[in-house]
N, C-alpha and C. Protein backbone atom coordinates (compact mmCIF):
# COMPACT_ATOMS: atom_id res chain seq x y z
N UNK A 1 -6.66 -0.64 -17.23
CA UNK A 1 -7.66 -0.01 -16.40
C UNK A 1 -8.67 -1.06 -15.94
N UNK A 2 -8.92 -1.14 -14.63
CA UNK A 2 -9.85 -2.16 -14.13
C UNK A 2 -11.30 -1.82 -14.50
N UNK A 3 -12.15 -2.84 -14.57
CA UNK A 3 -13.56 -2.61 -14.92
C UNK A 3 -14.41 -2.17 -13.72
N UNK A 4 -13.82 -1.51 -12.75
CA UNK A 4 -14.51 -1.01 -11.57
C UNK A 4 -13.82 0.28 -11.14
N UNK A 5 -14.48 1.12 -10.35
CA UNK A 5 -13.84 2.37 -9.93
C UNK A 5 -12.66 2.09 -9.01
N UNK A 6 -11.57 2.77 -9.26
CA UNK A 6 -10.37 2.61 -8.44
C UNK A 6 -9.61 3.93 -8.40
N UNK A 7 -8.89 4.12 -7.32
CA UNK A 7 -8.02 5.29 -7.15
C UNK A 7 -6.61 4.77 -6.93
N UNK A 8 -5.64 5.32 -7.64
CA UNK A 8 -4.25 4.93 -7.44
C UNK A 8 -3.38 6.17 -7.60
N UNK A 9 -2.50 6.38 -6.64
CA UNK A 9 -1.58 7.51 -6.66
C UNK A 9 -0.22 7.01 -6.23
N UNK A 10 0.80 7.38 -6.98
CA UNK A 10 2.17 6.93 -6.67
C UNK A 10 3.09 8.14 -6.60
N UNK A 11 3.90 8.18 -5.55
CA UNK A 11 4.92 9.21 -5.37
C UNK A 11 6.28 8.52 -5.39
N UNK A 12 7.23 9.07 -6.12
CA UNK A 12 8.59 8.51 -6.14
C UNK A 12 9.61 9.64 -6.14
N UNK A 13 10.82 9.29 -5.71
CA UNK A 13 11.95 10.20 -5.81
C UNK A 13 12.01 11.30 -4.77
N UNK A 14 11.27 11.20 -3.68
CA UNK A 14 11.32 12.24 -2.66
C UNK A 14 12.35 11.89 -1.60
N UNK A 15 12.78 12.91 -0.86
CA UNK A 15 13.79 12.74 0.18
C UNK A 15 13.23 11.94 1.34
N UNK A 16 14.05 11.07 1.89
CA UNK A 16 13.68 10.21 3.02
C UNK A 16 14.84 10.16 4.00
N UNK A 17 14.60 9.69 5.23
CA UNK A 17 15.70 9.52 6.19
C UNK A 17 16.75 8.54 5.66
N UNK A 18 17.97 8.67 6.09
CA UNK A 18 19.08 7.82 5.63
C UNK A 18 18.80 6.33 5.86
N UNK A 19 18.05 5.97 6.90
CA UNK A 19 17.79 4.57 7.22
C UNK A 19 16.67 3.96 6.36
N UNK A 20 16.03 4.77 5.53
CA UNK A 20 14.97 4.28 4.66
C UNK A 20 15.58 3.37 3.58
N UNK A 21 14.94 2.23 3.33
CA UNK A 21 15.43 1.31 2.31
C UNK A 21 14.44 1.34 1.15
N UNK A 22 14.85 1.95 0.05
CA UNK A 22 13.99 2.08 -1.12
C UNK A 22 14.38 1.11 -2.21
N UNK A 23 14.01 1.45 -3.44
CA UNK A 23 14.29 0.61 -4.60
C UNK A 23 15.79 0.41 -4.74
N UNK A 24 16.19 -0.83 -4.94
CA UNK A 24 17.60 -1.22 -5.04
C UNK A 24 18.41 -0.81 -3.81
N UNK A 25 17.76 -0.74 -2.65
CA UNK A 25 18.43 -0.44 -1.39
C UNK A 25 18.79 1.03 -1.20
N UNK A 26 18.38 1.91 -2.10
CA UNK A 26 18.72 3.33 -2.02
C UNK A 26 17.73 4.08 -1.14
N UNK A 27 18.20 5.13 -0.49
CA UNK A 27 17.35 5.97 0.35
C UNK A 27 16.64 7.00 -0.53
N UNK A 28 15.66 6.52 -1.30
CA UNK A 28 14.83 7.37 -2.13
C UNK A 28 13.39 6.91 -1.99
N UNK A 29 12.50 7.84 -1.72
CA UNK A 29 11.12 7.50 -1.41
C UNK A 29 10.32 6.92 -2.55
N UNK A 30 9.40 6.02 -2.20
CA UNK A 30 8.47 5.41 -3.15
C UNK A 30 7.24 4.97 -2.36
N UNK A 31 6.12 5.66 -2.54
CA UNK A 31 4.88 5.37 -1.82
C UNK A 31 3.73 5.26 -2.81
N UNK A 32 2.84 4.30 -2.60
CA UNK A 32 1.64 4.14 -3.41
C UNK A 32 0.41 4.17 -2.49
N UNK A 33 -0.65 4.82 -2.95
CA UNK A 33 -1.91 4.88 -2.21
C UNK A 33 -3.00 4.41 -3.17
N UNK A 34 -3.91 3.58 -2.66
CA UNK A 34 -4.92 2.97 -3.51
C UNK A 34 -6.24 2.84 -2.76
N UNK A 35 -7.34 2.92 -3.50
CA UNK A 35 -8.67 2.67 -2.92
C UNK A 35 -9.54 2.01 -3.98
N UNK A 36 -10.39 1.08 -3.53
CA UNK A 36 -11.32 0.39 -4.44
C UNK A 36 -12.47 -0.18 -3.62
N UNK A 37 -13.60 -0.47 -4.28
CA UNK A 37 -14.71 -1.08 -3.55
C UNK A 37 -14.28 -2.43 -2.97
N UNK A 38 -14.70 -2.71 -1.74
CA UNK A 38 -14.35 -3.99 -1.10
C UNK A 38 -14.74 -5.17 -1.95
N UNK A 39 -15.87 -5.10 -2.61
CA UNK A 39 -16.35 -6.24 -3.40
C UNK A 39 -15.43 -6.54 -4.57
N UNK A 40 -14.57 -5.61 -4.96
CA UNK A 40 -13.64 -5.80 -6.07
C UNK A 40 -12.21 -6.12 -5.62
N UNK A 41 -11.98 -6.13 -4.32
CA UNK A 41 -10.64 -6.35 -3.80
C UNK A 41 -10.24 -7.82 -3.85
N UNK A 42 -8.97 -8.08 -4.12
CA UNK A 42 -8.49 -9.47 -4.09
C UNK A 42 -8.44 -9.96 -2.64
N UNK A 43 -8.31 -11.28 -2.44
CA UNK A 43 -8.26 -11.82 -1.07
C UNK A 43 -7.10 -11.24 -0.25
N UNK A 44 -5.97 -10.98 -0.89
CA UNK A 44 -4.82 -10.34 -0.24
C UNK A 44 -4.40 -9.17 -1.11
N UNK A 45 -3.96 -8.08 -0.50
CA UNK A 45 -3.64 -6.88 -1.29
C UNK A 45 -2.37 -6.98 -2.11
N UNK A 46 -1.54 -7.99 -1.84
CA UNK A 46 -0.33 -8.18 -2.65
C UNK A 46 -0.04 -9.68 -2.77
N UNK A 47 0.47 -10.06 -3.93
CA UNK A 47 0.76 -11.46 -4.22
C UNK A 47 1.87 -11.95 -3.28
N UNK A 48 1.65 -13.10 -2.65
CA UNK A 48 2.65 -13.66 -1.76
C UNK A 48 2.88 -12.84 -0.50
N UNK A 49 1.94 -11.94 -0.21
CA UNK A 49 2.08 -11.08 0.96
C UNK A 49 1.94 -11.86 2.25
N UNK A 50 2.77 -11.52 3.20
CA UNK A 50 2.73 -12.15 4.52
C UNK A 50 2.15 -11.17 5.51
N UNK A 51 1.07 -11.54 6.17
CA UNK A 51 0.44 -10.68 7.17
C UNK A 51 1.33 -10.61 8.41
N UNK A 52 1.67 -9.38 8.80
CA UNK A 52 2.54 -9.19 9.95
C UNK A 52 1.78 -8.85 11.22
N UNK A 53 0.55 -8.36 11.10
CA UNK A 53 -0.24 -7.98 12.27
C UNK A 53 -1.01 -6.71 12.01
N UNK A 54 -1.52 -6.11 13.08
CA UNK A 54 -2.29 -4.88 12.98
C UNK A 54 -1.45 -3.70 13.43
N UNK A 55 -1.72 -2.54 12.79
CA UNK A 55 -1.03 -1.30 13.12
C UNK A 55 -2.09 -0.21 13.25
N UNK A 56 -2.07 0.53 14.34
CA UNK A 56 -3.00 1.65 14.51
C UNK A 56 -2.35 2.88 13.89
N UNK A 57 -3.08 3.48 12.94
CA UNK A 57 -2.62 4.68 12.26
C UNK A 57 -3.78 5.68 12.27
N UNK A 58 -3.59 6.77 12.97
CA UNK A 58 -4.62 7.79 13.07
C UNK A 58 -5.90 7.15 13.61
N UNK A 59 -6.98 7.25 12.87
CA UNK A 59 -8.28 6.72 13.32
C UNK A 59 -8.54 5.29 12.87
N UNK A 60 -7.59 4.70 12.16
CA UNK A 60 -7.82 3.39 11.57
C UNK A 60 -6.88 2.34 12.14
N UNK A 61 -7.35 1.10 12.14
CA UNK A 61 -6.49 -0.03 12.42
C UNK A 61 -6.25 -0.73 11.09
N UNK A 62 -5.01 -0.75 10.67
CA UNK A 62 -4.65 -1.32 9.38
C UNK A 62 -3.99 -2.68 9.59
N UNK A 63 -4.10 -3.52 8.58
CA UNK A 63 -3.37 -4.79 8.56
C UNK A 63 -2.06 -4.54 7.83
N UNK A 64 -0.98 -4.95 8.43
CA UNK A 64 0.35 -4.75 7.84
C UNK A 64 0.78 -6.03 7.11
N UNK A 65 1.25 -5.85 5.87
CA UNK A 65 1.72 -6.96 5.05
C UNK A 65 3.14 -6.68 4.57
N UNK A 66 3.90 -7.72 4.44
CA UNK A 66 5.20 -7.67 3.78
C UNK A 66 4.99 -8.33 2.42
N UNK A 67 5.05 -7.53 1.34
CA UNK A 67 4.78 -8.02 0.00
C UNK A 67 6.00 -8.70 -0.59
N UNK A 68 5.74 -9.68 -1.43
CA UNK A 68 6.79 -10.47 -2.06
C UNK A 68 7.65 -9.62 -2.99
N UNK A 69 8.91 -10.02 -3.13
CA UNK A 69 9.83 -9.41 -4.09
C UNK A 69 9.96 -10.27 -5.34
N UNK A 70 9.17 -11.36 -5.42
CA UNK A 70 9.25 -12.31 -6.53
C UNK A 70 8.48 -11.77 -7.74
N UNK A 71 9.17 -11.05 -8.62
CA UNK A 71 8.50 -10.40 -9.75
C UNK A 71 7.89 -11.41 -10.72
N UNK A 72 8.48 -12.59 -10.87
CA UNK A 72 7.91 -13.60 -11.76
C UNK A 72 6.56 -14.09 -11.25
N UNK A 73 6.49 -14.40 -9.96
CA UNK A 73 5.24 -14.87 -9.36
C UNK A 73 4.17 -13.78 -9.45
N UNK A 74 4.55 -12.56 -9.11
CA UNK A 74 3.59 -11.46 -9.15
C UNK A 74 3.08 -11.26 -10.58
N UNK A 75 3.99 -11.30 -11.55
CA UNK A 75 3.60 -11.13 -12.95
C UNK A 75 2.61 -12.18 -13.42
N UNK A 76 2.74 -13.40 -12.93
CA UNK A 76 1.84 -14.49 -13.30
C UNK A 76 0.48 -14.40 -12.61
N UNK A 77 0.45 -13.90 -11.37
CA UNK A 77 -0.76 -14.00 -10.56
C UNK A 77 -1.55 -12.71 -10.38
N UNK A 78 -0.95 -11.56 -10.57
CA UNK A 78 -1.63 -10.28 -10.31
C UNK A 78 -2.80 -10.07 -11.27
N UNK A 79 -3.95 -9.72 -10.72
CA UNK A 79 -5.15 -9.46 -11.52
C UNK A 79 -5.85 -8.16 -11.11
N UNK A 80 -5.49 -7.61 -9.97
CA UNK A 80 -6.16 -6.42 -9.44
C UNK A 80 -5.17 -5.30 -9.14
N UNK A 81 -4.04 -5.27 -9.82
CA UNK A 81 -3.06 -4.22 -9.56
C UNK A 81 -2.09 -4.53 -8.43
N UNK A 82 -2.13 -5.77 -7.92
CA UNK A 82 -1.27 -6.12 -6.78
C UNK A 82 0.22 -6.00 -7.12
N UNK A 83 0.57 -6.04 -8.38
CA UNK A 83 1.97 -5.93 -8.79
C UNK A 83 2.59 -4.59 -8.45
N UNK A 84 1.78 -3.57 -8.25
CA UNK A 84 2.30 -2.24 -7.90
C UNK A 84 2.98 -2.24 -6.53
N UNK A 85 2.74 -3.26 -5.73
CA UNK A 85 3.27 -3.30 -4.37
C UNK A 85 4.42 -4.29 -4.22
N UNK A 86 5.05 -4.66 -5.31
CA UNK A 86 6.17 -5.59 -5.32
C UNK A 86 7.29 -5.09 -4.40
N UNK A 87 7.66 -5.90 -3.41
CA UNK A 87 8.74 -5.54 -2.49
C UNK A 87 8.37 -4.46 -1.48
N UNK A 88 7.08 -4.21 -1.31
CA UNK A 88 6.63 -3.13 -0.43
C UNK A 88 6.22 -3.63 0.95
N UNK A 89 6.23 -2.71 1.88
CA UNK A 89 5.56 -2.85 3.16
C UNK A 89 4.21 -2.20 2.94
N UNK A 90 3.12 -2.89 3.24
CA UNK A 90 1.79 -2.43 2.86
C UNK A 90 0.87 -2.39 4.06
N UNK A 91 0.05 -1.35 4.13
CA UNK A 91 -1.00 -1.23 5.14
C UNK A 91 -2.34 -1.21 4.42
N UNK A 92 -3.30 -2.01 4.90
CA UNK A 92 -4.63 -2.07 4.31
C UNK A 92 -5.66 -1.88 5.41
N UNK A 93 -6.67 -1.06 5.13
CA UNK A 93 -7.78 -0.88 6.06
C UNK A 93 -9.04 -0.63 5.25
N UNK A 94 -10.19 -0.78 5.90
CA UNK A 94 -11.48 -0.63 5.22
C UNK A 94 -12.35 0.35 5.97
N UNK A 95 -13.17 1.04 5.19
CA UNK A 95 -14.14 1.96 5.78
C UNK A 95 -15.32 2.10 4.82
N UNK A 96 -16.51 1.89 5.30
CA UNK A 96 -17.75 2.08 4.56
C UNK A 96 -17.72 1.45 3.17
N UNK A 97 -17.31 0.18 3.08
CA UNK A 97 -17.35 -0.55 1.83
C UNK A 97 -16.20 -0.29 0.88
N UNK A 98 -15.19 0.44 1.33
CA UNK A 98 -14.03 0.73 0.49
C UNK A 98 -12.77 0.21 1.17
N UNK A 99 -11.92 -0.49 0.41
CA UNK A 99 -10.62 -0.93 0.90
C UNK A 99 -9.58 0.12 0.52
N UNK A 100 -8.73 0.47 1.46
CA UNK A 100 -7.67 1.45 1.25
C UNK A 100 -6.32 0.77 1.45
N UNK A 101 -5.34 1.15 0.65
CA UNK A 101 -4.00 0.60 0.74
C UNK A 101 -3.01 1.75 0.67
N UNK A 102 -1.99 1.67 1.49
CA UNK A 102 -0.83 2.56 1.36
C UNK A 102 0.38 1.66 1.50
N UNK A 103 1.34 1.81 0.58
CA UNK A 103 2.52 0.96 0.64
C UNK A 103 3.77 1.76 0.31
N UNK A 104 4.88 1.29 0.86
CA UNK A 104 6.17 1.92 0.62
C UNK A 104 7.19 0.83 0.35
N UNK A 105 8.11 1.12 -0.54
CA UNK A 105 9.14 0.14 -0.86
C UNK A 105 9.99 -0.13 0.39
N UNK A 106 10.37 -1.38 0.59
CA UNK A 106 11.23 -1.75 1.71
C UNK A 106 10.47 -2.21 2.93
N UNK A 107 11.16 -2.91 3.82
CA UNK A 107 10.52 -3.53 4.97
C UNK A 107 11.21 -3.16 6.28
N UNK A 108 11.36 -1.88 6.57
CA UNK A 108 12.03 -1.47 7.80
C UNK A 108 11.08 -0.64 8.67
N UNK A 109 11.46 -0.45 9.92
CA UNK A 109 10.70 0.40 10.83
C UNK A 109 10.67 1.83 10.31
N UNK A 110 11.77 2.30 9.76
CA UNK A 110 11.82 3.65 9.20
C UNK A 110 10.81 3.78 8.05
N UNK A 111 10.73 2.75 7.21
CA UNK A 111 9.77 2.77 6.10
C UNK A 111 8.33 2.80 6.63
N UNK A 112 8.05 2.03 7.67
CA UNK A 112 6.72 2.01 8.27
C UNK A 112 6.39 3.39 8.84
N UNK A 113 7.32 3.99 9.55
CA UNK A 113 7.09 5.32 10.13
C UNK A 113 6.78 6.34 9.04
N UNK A 114 7.53 6.27 7.94
CA UNK A 114 7.29 7.19 6.83
C UNK A 114 5.92 6.92 6.20
N UNK A 115 5.54 5.67 6.07
CA UNK A 115 4.27 5.29 5.47
C UNK A 115 3.08 5.79 6.29
N UNK A 116 3.23 5.83 7.59
CA UNK A 116 2.14 6.28 8.46
C UNK A 116 1.83 7.77 8.26
N UNK A 117 2.81 8.56 7.86
CA UNK A 117 2.61 10.01 7.75
C UNK A 117 1.54 10.40 6.74
N UNK A 118 1.55 9.91 5.50
CA UNK A 118 0.47 10.32 4.60
C UNK A 118 -0.89 9.79 5.02
N UNK A 119 -0.92 8.61 5.64
CA UNK A 119 -2.20 8.05 6.09
C UNK A 119 -2.81 8.95 7.16
N UNK A 120 -1.99 9.43 8.07
CA UNK A 120 -2.47 10.29 9.15
C UNK A 120 -3.10 11.56 8.61
N UNK A 121 -2.63 12.04 7.48
CA UNK A 121 -3.15 13.30 6.93
C UNK A 121 -4.27 13.11 5.92
N UNK A 122 -4.67 11.86 5.64
CA UNK A 122 -5.73 11.62 4.66
C UNK A 122 -7.10 11.94 5.22
N UNK A 123 -7.93 12.49 4.35
CA UNK A 123 -9.35 12.66 4.66
C UNK A 123 -10.09 11.77 3.67
N UNK A 124 -10.75 10.75 4.16
CA UNK A 124 -11.46 9.81 3.29
C UNK A 124 -12.86 10.34 3.02
N UNK A 125 -13.17 10.52 1.75
CA UNK A 125 -14.46 11.05 1.34
C UNK A 125 -15.15 10.01 0.47
N UNK A 126 -16.32 9.60 0.86
CA UNK A 126 -17.05 8.57 0.11
C UNK A 126 -17.35 9.05 -1.30
N UNK A 127 -17.32 8.13 -2.29
CA UNK A 127 -17.64 8.51 -3.67
C UNK A 127 -19.00 9.18 -3.77
N UNK A 128 -19.08 10.24 -4.55
CA UNK A 128 -20.34 10.95 -4.77
C UNK A 128 -20.73 11.92 -3.68
N UNK A 129 -19.92 12.04 -2.61
CA UNK A 129 -20.29 12.94 -1.52
C UNK A 129 -19.56 14.28 -1.58
N UNK A 130 -18.63 14.42 -2.50
CA UNK A 130 -17.85 15.67 -2.58
C UNK A 130 -18.55 16.71 -3.42
């Protein structure tokens, strides 16, 4: 458990389109959603992540990353939960001092399309305002 407030939610084993590439190349869903204060975020949301560009999703412009599949490197370097995104396609965006991450296993257009769906339906509520 990190020494700062964090939100992490993981969904696995749900049905996905046949072209989805999941864990071990299988068409089985795996999505992670995360939020933490910007001041506590690592420089990159995943170890060895390669920035692919910007993606507009709903009201936000997210940075798209292709996360490393190198489990040894991730195991040695992860300090902020970045290991949860091993082999994932990841979207990161910020709002009002909070960094948000949504990631899905695999690096395909189908995976990106699936990843955009939960982001589009999210309602971001600042801590203490609910």
